[in-house]
Amino acid sequence: MAFSKKPVKGMTDFMPADMVLRESVLAQIKQTYASYGFAQIETPMMEHIENLTSKQGGDNEKLIFKVQKRGAALARALESGKPDELVDNGLRYDLTVPLARFYANNKEALPNPFRALQVGPVWRADQPAKGRFRQFVQCDIDVLGDSTNLAEIELIAATCTALSRVLGPAGLNAFTVHVNDRRILMAAALQAGFAEEDVAGVLVTLDKLDKIGMDGVREELLANGAAAQTADAYLALFRQEGDGASCRAFCEAVDGAGLAEVAANLDEILRAAAALTDNAVSIVFDPTLVRGMGYYTGPIFEVTIDGFGVSIAGGGRYDQMIGKFSGEDVCACGFSIGFERIIALLADAGVTGSDAAVRDATAFLVDAKADGTRRMEALEAAQRLRAAGRDAAVFPMRKNMKRQIAALEEAGFTAFEKIYAD
């Protein structure tokens, strides 16, 4: 069988120039988050399959790359004739489930509250598209052990600061943070007449509003068994109160005094976050924001850039996930940046990250006819520069030296030493 030189579908190779931009953006994000007191951790790329299929990840659980058992365990599973027993692990589809397991396992050794920074690849067996891969990088920050809204405020402020910094060179720093609360979504569905056990499905449909519109949402609700009166009462809330409504006004229309505390909490988050972020950033209450994950329990947020039709970051509070691992609920809240979408936007805008890559680097070009002594001189000179804190590399001299130097300059080299034969 012939080898294939192309990467697996939905995955990609990155050229050196690509990596310059990626590493530059990652460095800016990490530096920003570190300035807010977030400490970096790392979790394995593979998780126990039962952790990944706990009905916490929404539709992402349908996209798991499952890992088959091995050796004698696989043989026993094959003999059982039960397909579900062939798998014991899976590649993580996000960084939140692994973080919850990590915290439950290491809680006693961590500060309280704990501010976690996690950057790494995740995998989803999705249909690839521009800015959407089957392997992609996420940049997450989470606050664990803080029940106050300081967690949400700091997460929004830190993420907005990071995004303003990396998107600024592309002129895309005027973005919008949409904020809502899962309890508001639940109350709206119940008031319209949906049964509690049907709410999750209703929210899946509402989450498609920006793609299929109000009429499309109504049609899908009816197709899923909703009564016309219930569907119309539900959508009326968003038609009458959703367009530019304040959080308090929407909550009063939905549930009177029942959501007063939720509305007050969200209003404080909105005011504080707006005061702490760049003036170009809009932070708004959006009653139609759902977020697809099933683990959210309170405030949720998502970042969009006008005219691009995709979210570039999202998150929310998930106070019940860690308890699935430890038996004791821990307050938790997080925000995740969609790194690949950021990179695609910057690349389309012509941002290269090359300014961050400029360094004092010397290239030694050694004539092919140079003897061992002259080659050693070049190697030792390069080593002295490295010891002094400068970058240096030794290359064989090409016939077209002008073209060679131009390529090295593009790679970041700023000085050139030519070593000829005696």
Protein backbone atom coordinates (compact mmCIF):
# COMPACT_ATOMS: atom_id res chain seq x y z
CA MET A 1 0.00 0.00 0.00
CA ALA A 2 1.41 3.39 -1.00
CA PHE A 3 2.03 6.04 1.63
CA SER A 4 -0.09 9.21 1.52
CA LYS A 5 1.74 12.50 1.78
CA LYS A 6 -1.41 14.46 2.71
CA PRO A 7 -2.45 14.86 6.37
CA VAL A 8 -5.56 13.13 7.68
CA LYS A 9 -8.78 14.90 6.67
CA GLY A 10 -9.58 17.74 9.02
CA MET A 11 -6.01 18.00 10.26
CA THR A 12 -3.24 20.14 8.85
CA ASP A 13 0.50 20.68 8.62
CA PHE A 14 1.88 24.09 9.58
CA MET A 15 4.72 25.77 7.72
CA PRO A 16 7.39 27.74 9.61
CA ALA A 17 5.66 31.01 8.69
CA ASP A 18 2.39 29.63 10.07
CA MET A 19 4.10 28.73 13.33
CA VAL A 20 5.50 32.24 13.71
CA LEU A 21 1.97 33.64 13.81
CA ARG A 22 0.60 30.82 15.98
CA GLU A 23 3.37 31.05 18.54
CA SER A 24 3.18 34.85 18.61
CA VAL A 25 -0.57 34.76 19.32
CA LEU A 26 -0.20 32.00 21.92
CA ALA A 27 2.52 33.96 23.70
CA GLN A 28 0.34 37.07 23.87
CA ILE A 29 -2.62 35.11 25.20
CA LYS A 30 -0.53 33.32 27.83
CA GLN A 31 1.15 36.54 28.94
CA THR A 32 -2.19 38.29 29.29
CA TYR A 33 -3.73 35.47 31.29
CA ALA A 34 -0.67 35.17 33.53
CA SER A 35 -1.04 38.88 34.37
CA TYR A 36 -4.51 38.05 35.73
CA GLY A 37 -3.11 35.35 38.01
CA PHE A 38 -3.92 32.24 35.96
CA ALA A 39 -1.49 29.34 36.41
CA GLN A 40 -0.82 26.97 33.52
CA ILE A 41 -1.56 23.25 33.83
CA GLU A 42 -1.60 20.38 31.35
CA THR A 43 -3.86 17.33 31.10
CA PRO A 44 -3.55 14.22 28.91
CA MET A 45 -5.04 14.26 25.42
CA MET A 46 -6.88 11.02 26.19
CA GLU A 47 -9.67 10.57 28.74
CA HIS A 48 -11.69 7.65 30.10
CA ILE A 49 -14.60 7.11 27.74
CA GLU A 50 -17.12 7.27 30.61
CA ASN A 51 -15.93 10.80 31.41
CA LEU A 52 -16.45 11.91 27.82
CA THR A 53 -19.90 10.31 27.45
CA SER A 54 -21.50 11.60 30.66
CA LYS A 55 -24.06 13.77 28.79
CA GLN A 56 -22.15 16.89 29.79
CA GLY A 57 -20.73 17.80 26.38
CA GLY A 58 -23.87 18.28 24.31
CA ASP A 59 -23.54 17.39 20.62
CA ASN A 60 -19.76 17.08 21.00
CA GLU A 61 -20.29 13.65 22.54
CA LYS A 62 -21.39 12.49 19.08
CA LEU A 63 -18.02 13.60 17.69
CA ILE A 64 -15.64 11.67 19.95
CA PHE A 65 -12.65 9.93 18.43
CA LYS A 66 -12.91 6.67 20.36
CA VAL A 67 -9.88 4.55 21.23
CA GLN A 68 -10.21 0.79 21.06
CA LYS A 69 -9.07 -1.48 23.86
CA ARG A 70 -5.79 -3.29 23.37
CA GLY A 71 -4.33 -6.74 23.85
CA ALA A 72 -6.18 -9.23 26.04
CA ALA A 73 -8.81 -6.62 26.97
CA LEU A 74 -9.70 -6.21 23.31
CA ALA A 75 -9.86 -9.97 22.79
CA ARG A 76 -12.29 -10.35 25.69
CA ALA A 77 -14.43 -7.48 24.37
CA LEU A 78 -14.57 -9.04 20.90
CA GLU A 79 -15.63 -12.34 22.40
CA SER A 80 -18.46 -10.63 24.29
CA GLY A 81 -20.07 -9.53 21.01
CA LYS A 82 -20.97 -6.14 22.56
CA PRO A 83 -19.67 -3.22 20.41
CA ASP A 84 -19.87 -0.73 23.29
CA GLU A 85 -17.30 -2.75 25.23
CA LEU A 86 -14.63 -2.40 22.53
CA VAL A 87 -13.74 1.14 23.66
CA ASP A 88 -12.19 2.29 26.92
CA ASN A 89 -10.75 5.74 26.12
CA GLY A 90 -11.29 8.69 23.78
CA LEU A 91 -9.52 11.81 22.58
CA ARG A 92 -10.75 14.83 24.53
CA TYR A 93 -13.26 17.04 22.68
CA ASP A 94 -12.64 20.04 24.95
CA LEU A 95 -10.46 21.03 27.90
CA THR A 96 -13.22 21.48 30.48
CA VAL A 97 -14.04 17.83 31.18
CA PRO A 98 -10.31 16.99 31.67
CA LEU A 99 -9.96 20.04 33.95
CA ALA A 100 -12.84 18.86 36.14
CA ARG A 101 -11.20 15.45 36.51
CA PHE A 102 -7.81 17.08 37.17
CA TYR A 103 -9.22 19.33 39.89
CA ALA A 104 -11.14 16.51 41.59
CA ASN A 105 -7.92 14.46 41.65
CA ASN A 106 -5.61 17.26 42.84
CA LYS A 107 -7.86 19.60 44.83
CA GLU A 108 -5.96 19.27 48.12
CA ALA A 109 -2.70 20.37 46.47
CA LEU A 110 -4.21 23.43 44.74
CA PRO A 111 -5.01 26.93 46.08
CA ASN A 112 -8.63 27.88 46.70
CA PRO A 113 -9.92 29.45 44.56
CA PHE A 114 -7.76 28.08 41.76
CA ARG A 115 -7.20 29.99 38.52
CA ALA A 116 -6.26 27.54 35.78
CA LEU A 117 -4.82 28.25 32.33
CA GLN A 118 -4.87 25.36 29.87
CA VAL A 119 -3.74 25.43 26.24
CA GLY A 120 -3.72 22.37 24.03
CA PRO A 121 -5.18 20.42 21.12
CA VAL A 122 -8.62 18.81 21.20
CA TRP A 123 -10.29 16.48 18.70
CA ARG A 124 -13.78 16.29 17.21
CA ALA A 125 -14.93 14.09 14.32
CA ASP A 126 -16.69 17.07 12.75
CA GLN A 127 -17.11 18.14 9.12
CA PRO A 128 -14.03 20.28 8.36
CA ALA A 129 -14.47 23.86 7.13
CA LYS A 130 -12.49 27.07 7.14
CA GLY A 131 -11.35 27.69 10.70
CA ARG A 132 -12.91 24.36 11.76
CA PHE A 133 -10.65 21.33 12.01
CA ARG A 134 -10.85 17.87 13.51
CA GLN A 135 -7.76 18.67 15.55
CA PHE A 136 -7.56 22.20 16.86
CA VAL A 137 -6.14 24.22 19.72
CA GLN A 138 -8.20 25.70 22.55
CA CYS A 139 -7.05 28.31 25.06
CA ASP A 140 -9.01 28.02 28.33
CA ILE A 141 -9.05 29.90 31.59
CA ASP A 142 -11.16 28.72 34.53
CA VAL A 143 -11.82 29.83 38.09
CA LEU A 144 -12.54 26.91 40.42
CA GLY A 145 -13.89 27.32 43.96
CA ASP A 146 -15.32 30.85 43.63
CA SER A 147 -19.11 31.13 44.04
CA THR A 148 -19.16 34.92 43.56
CA ASN A 149 -19.56 36.76 40.28
CA LEU A 150 -15.95 37.98 40.63
CA ALA A 151 -15.13 34.84 38.66
CA GLU A 152 -17.31 35.81 35.68
CA ILE A 153 -16.15 39.43 35.75
CA GLU A 154 -12.46 38.52 35.81
CA LEU A 155 -12.88 35.86 33.12
CA ILE A 156 -14.62 38.30 30.77
CA ALA A 157 -12.11 41.07 31.47
CA ALA A 158 -9.08 38.80 30.97
CA THR A 159 -10.45 37.26 27.76
CA CYS A 160 -11.41 40.64 26.31
CA THR A 161 -7.94 42.00 27.11
CA ALA A 162 -6.31 39.01 25.38
CA LEU A 163 -8.58 39.27 22.33
CA SER A 164 -8.11 43.04 22.03
CA ARG A 165 -4.37 42.51 22.09
CA VAL A 166 -4.20 39.78 19.44
CA LEU A 167 -6.96 41.15 17.15
CA GLY A 168 -5.76 44.74 17.25
CA PRO A 169 -3.22 44.35 14.39
CA ALA A 170 -6.07 43.14 12.14
CA GLY A 171 -8.38 46.00 13.13
CA LEU A 172 -10.87 43.52 14.61
CA ASN A 173 -10.77 44.65 18.22
CA ALA A 174 -14.38 45.97 18.09
CA PHE A 175 -16.09 42.71 19.06
CA THR A 176 -19.19 41.86 21.11
CA VAL A 177 -19.52 39.76 24.26
CA HIS A 178 -23.00 38.22 24.53
CA VAL A 179 -24.09 37.31 28.06
CA ASN A 180 -27.05 35.24 29.30
CA ASP A 181 -27.93 32.79 32.07
CA ARG A 182 -29.09 29.18 31.70
CA ARG A 183 -31.66 29.75 34.46
CA ILE A 184 -33.29 32.47 32.35
CA LEU A 185 -33.44 30.10 29.39
CA MET A 186 -35.00 27.40 31.55
CA ALA A 187 -37.61 29.77 33.02
CA ALA A 188 -38.61 31.09 29.58
CA ALA A 189 -39.18 27.59 28.22
CA LEU A 190 -41.18 26.50 31.26
CA GLN A 191 -43.36 29.60 31.24
CA ALA A 192 -44.21 29.05 27.57
CA GLY A 193 -45.54 25.61 28.49
CA PHE A 194 -42.72 23.17 27.69
CA ALA A 195 -42.22 20.25 30.06
CA GLU A 196 -38.98 20.31 32.05
CA GLU A 197 -37.73 17.12 30.39
CA ASP A 198 -38.15 18.76 26.97
CA VAL A 199 -36.23 21.96 27.73
CA ALA A 200 -32.82 20.62 26.67
CA GLY A 201 -34.15 19.85 23.19
CA VAL A 202 -35.90 23.22 22.99
CA LEU A 203 -32.61 24.98 23.73
CA VAL A 204 -30.82 22.98 21.04
CA THR A 205 -33.35 24.38 18.57
CA LEU A 206 -33.16 27.94 19.91
CA ASP A 207 -29.38 27.76 19.54
CA LYS A 208 -29.92 27.63 15.76
CA LEU A 209 -31.74 30.99 15.71
CA ASP A 210 -28.91 32.88 14.02
CA LYS A 211 -28.81 30.25 11.23
CA ILE A 212 -32.51 29.46 10.58
CA GLY A 213 -34.30 32.52 11.98
CA MET A 214 -37.47 32.70 14.07
CA ASP A 215 -39.59 30.93 11.45
CA GLY A 216 -37.08 28.11 11.21
CA VAL A 217 -37.00 27.72 14.99
CA ARG A 218 -40.81 27.57 15.08
CA GLU A 219 -40.92 24.94 12.34
CA GLU A 220 -38.36 22.78 14.12
CA LEU A 221 -40.15 23.09 17.46
CA LEU A 222 -43.39 21.95 15.82
CA ALA A 223 -41.59 19.12 14.01
CA ASN A 224 -40.23 17.97 17.39
CA GLY A 225 -43.74 17.72 18.82
CA ALA A 226 -44.38 21.14 20.36
CA ALA A 227 -47.91 22.52 20.32
CA ALA A 228 -48.31 25.59 18.11
CA GLN A 229 -49.58 27.63 21.08
CA THR A 230 -46.54 26.71 23.16
CA ALA A 231 -44.07 27.45 20.37
CA ASP A 232 -45.69 30.82 19.64
CA ALA A 233 -45.78 31.81 23.32
CA TYR A 234 -42.09 30.90 23.62
CA LEU A 235 -40.94 32.84 20.56
CA ALA A 236 -43.11 35.82 21.50
CA LEU A 237 -40.83 36.39 24.48
CA PHE A 238 -37.86 36.88 22.20
CA ARG A 239 -39.74 38.89 19.59
CA GLN A 240 -41.22 41.32 22.11
CA GLU A 241 -38.52 41.53 24.72
CA GLY A 242 -35.37 40.10 23.17
CA ASP A 243 -34.34 42.85 20.76
CA GLY A 244 -32.23 45.22 22.85
CA ALA A 245 -34.06 44.40 26.08
CA SER A 246 -32.29 44.83 29.38
CA CYS A 247 -31.70 41.74 31.47
CA ARG A 248 -34.03 42.96 34.18
CA ALA A 249 -36.86 43.78 31.74
CA PHE A 250 -36.62 40.41 30.03
CA CYS A 251 -36.60 38.52 33.34
CA GLU A 252 -39.63 40.43 34.57
CA ALA A 253 -41.50 39.52 31.39
CA VAL A 254 -40.55 35.87 31.80
CA ASP A 255 -40.96 35.16 35.48
CA GLY A 256 -41.79 38.30 37.43
CA ALA A 257 -39.91 38.31 40.74
CA GLY A 258 -38.75 34.70 40.35
CA LEU A 259 -35.62 35.73 38.41
CA ALA A 260 -34.89 38.95 40.32
CA GLU A 261 -31.70 37.63 41.94
CA VAL A 262 -30.48 36.12 38.67
CA ALA A 263 -31.12 39.41 36.85
CA ALA A 264 -29.36 41.47 39.52
CA ASN A 265 -26.32 39.18 39.35
CA LEU A 266 -26.16 39.35 35.57
CA ASP A 267 -26.60 43.13 35.53
CA GLU A 268 -23.65 43.49 37.91
CA ILE A 269 -21.51 41.26 35.69
CA LEU A 270 -22.44 43.32 32.64
CA ARG A 271 -21.70 46.68 34.30
CA ALA A 272 -18.42 45.63 35.86
CA ALA A 273 -17.09 43.86 32.78
CA ALA A 274 -17.96 46.85 30.58
CA ALA A 275 -16.05 49.15 32.92
CA LEU A 276 -12.96 46.92 32.81
CA THR A 277 -12.71 46.38 29.05
CA ASP A 278 -11.69 48.46 26.06
CA ASN A 279 -14.22 51.00 24.82
CA ALA A 280 -14.32 49.25 21.44
CA VAL A 281 -15.72 46.12 23.09
CA SER A 282 -19.50 45.79 23.47
CA ILE A 283 -20.86 43.68 26.34
CA VAL A 284 -24.57 42.99 25.94
CA PHE A 285 -27.36 40.88 27.40
CA ASP A 286 -28.51 38.36 24.79
CA PRO A 287 -31.56 36.29 25.85
CA THR A 288 -31.16 34.00 22.83
CA LEU A 289 -27.61 32.90 23.72
CA VAL A 290 -27.67 29.20 24.59
CA ARG A 291 -24.19 27.60 24.32
CA GLY A 292 -24.28 23.95 23.33
CA MET A 293 -22.70 22.27 26.34
CA GLY A 294 -25.04 20.54 28.76
CA TYR A 295 -22.92 21.27 31.82
CA TYR A 296 -23.62 25.01 32.19
CA THR A 297 -25.61 25.97 35.31
CA GLY A 298 -25.60 29.79 35.41
CA PRO A 299 -24.16 32.75 33.46
CA ILE A 300 -22.93 31.96 29.95
CA PHE A 301 -21.02 34.13 27.47
CA GLU A 302 -19.90 34.14 23.84
CA VAL A 303 -17.79 36.51 21.72
CA THR A 304 -18.60 37.40 18.11
CA ILE A 305 -17.17 39.80 15.56
CA ASP A 306 -19.74 41.67 13.48
CA GLY A 307 -19.90 40.47 9.91
CA PHE A 308 -18.12 37.16 10.43
CA GLY A 309 -21.01 35.02 11.63
CA VAL A 310 -18.99 32.82 13.99
CA SER A 311 -18.12 32.90 17.66
CA ILE A 312 -14.45 33.22 18.57
CA ALA A 313 -14.74 32.52 22.30
CA GLY A 314 -17.29 31.21 24.77
CA GLY A 315 -17.84 29.87 28.24
CA GLY A 316 -19.89 29.98 31.39
CA ARG A 317 -20.49 28.65 34.88
CA TYR A 318 -20.61 24.89 35.49
CA ASP A 319 -21.03 24.33 39.22
CA GLN A 320 -22.03 20.65 39.06
CA MET A 321 -19.42 19.04 36.83
CA ILE A 322 -16.59 18.51 39.33
CA GLY A 323 -19.03 16.81 41.69
CA LYS A 324 -19.49 14.11 39.06
CA PHE A 325 -15.89 13.10 39.80
CA SER A 326 -15.52 13.86 43.51
CA GLY A 327 -19.05 13.48 44.88
CA GLU A 328 -18.94 17.09 46.09
CA ASP A 329 -19.95 20.02 43.89
CA VAL A 330 -17.37 22.77 43.37
CA CYS A 331 -18.18 26.20 41.97
CA ALA A 332 -16.52 26.56 38.56
CA CYS A 333 -16.56 28.99 35.67
CA GLY A 334 -14.51 29.17 32.47
CA PHE A 335 -13.89 30.93 29.17
CA SER A 336 -12.39 29.34 26.04
CA ILE A 337 -10.84 31.09 23.03
CA GLY A 338 -11.30 29.45 19.63
CA PHE A 339 -7.66 29.71 18.66
CA GLU A 340 -7.97 28.39 15.09
CA ARG A 341 -10.66 30.93 14.21
CA ILE A 342 -8.51 33.72 15.58
CA ILE A 343 -5.57 32.53 13.47
CA ALA A 344 -7.76 32.31 10.34
CA LEU A 345 -9.03 35.88 10.86
CA LEU A 346 -5.52 37.23 11.39
CA ALA A 347 -4.12 35.38 8.37
CA ASP A 348 -6.94 36.68 6.15
CA ALA A 349 -6.13 40.19 7.34
CA GLY A 350 -2.47 39.74 6.39
CA VAL A 351 -1.12 39.61 9.93
CA THR A 352 2.02 37.47 10.06
CA GLY A 353 3.31 37.83 13.59
CA SER A 354 6.74 38.51 12.11
CA ASP A 355 7.29 41.57 14.29
CA ALA A 356 7.30 39.31 17.33
CA ALA A 357 9.77 36.99 15.59
CA VAL A 358 12.44 39.60 14.88
CA ARG A 359 15.57 38.60 16.74
CA ASP A 360 19.31 39.21 16.75
CA ALA A 361 20.16 36.12 14.71
CA THR A 362 23.35 35.43 12.78
CA ALA A 363 23.71 32.95 9.92
CA PHE A 364 27.16 31.54 9.15
CA LEU A 365 27.44 30.50 5.50
CA VAL A 366 30.23 27.98 4.96
CA ASP A 367 31.78 27.44 1.55
CA ALA A 368 31.52 23.81 0.41
CA LYS A 369 35.27 23.86 -0.30
CA ALA A 370 36.15 24.96 3.25
CA ASP A 371 38.23 22.40 5.14
CA GLY A 372 37.50 20.98 8.60
CA THR A 373 39.40 23.74 10.35
CA ARG A 374 37.38 26.50 8.71
CA ARG A 375 34.09 24.65 9.35
CA MET A 376 35.07 24.31 13.02
CA GLU A 377 35.76 28.04 13.22
CA ALA A 378 32.22 28.73 12.05
CA LEU A 379 30.72 26.24 14.51
CA GLU A 380 32.68 27.67 17.45
CA ALA A 381 31.81 31.28 16.50
CA ALA A 382 28.13 30.37 16.41
CA GLN A 383 28.45 28.66 19.79
CA ARG A 384 30.02 31.80 21.32
CA LEU A 385 27.10 33.90 20.09
CA ARG A 386 24.60 31.45 21.62
CA ALA A 387 26.45 31.57 24.92
CA ALA A 388 26.10 35.36 24.80
CA GLY A 389 22.34 35.04 24.42
CA ARG A 390 22.08 35.51 20.66
CA ASP A 391 20.66 33.17 18.02
CA ALA A 392 23.03 31.60 15.51
CA ALA A 393 23.02 28.81 12.95
CA VAL A 394 25.54 27.35 10.51
CA PHE A 395 24.52 26.59 6.92
CA PRO A 396 26.31 25.31 3.82
CA MET A 397 26.78 28.15 1.35
CA ARG A 398 24.57 27.83 -1.75
CA LYS A 399 25.58 28.78 -5.27
CA ASN A 400 22.85 31.43 -5.40
CA MET A 401 23.87 33.15 -2.18
CA LYS A 402 21.65 36.17 -2.83
CA ARG A 403 18.54 33.99 -2.90
CA GLN A 404 19.76 32.04 0.14
CA ILE A 405 20.25 35.23 2.19
CA ALA A 406 16.82 36.54 1.15
CA ALA A 407 15.21 33.29 2.40
CA LEU A 408 17.13 33.47 5.67
CA GLU A 409 16.10 37.10 6.19
CA GLU A 410 12.50 36.04 5.72
CA ALA A 411 13.10 33.38 8.39
CA GLY A 412 14.32 36.06 10.82
CA PHE A 413 18.10 36.18 10.43
CA THR A 414 19.58 39.66 10.59
CA ALA A 415 23.35 39.16 10.17
CA PHE A 416 25.45 36.97 7.89
CA GLU A 417 29.04 35.71 8.17
CA LYS A 418 30.59 34.09 5.10
CA ILE A 419 33.23 31.43 5.67
CA TYR A 420 35.31 30.72 2.57
CA ALA A 421 38.00 28.15 1.89
CA ASP A 422 41.57 29.40 2.45
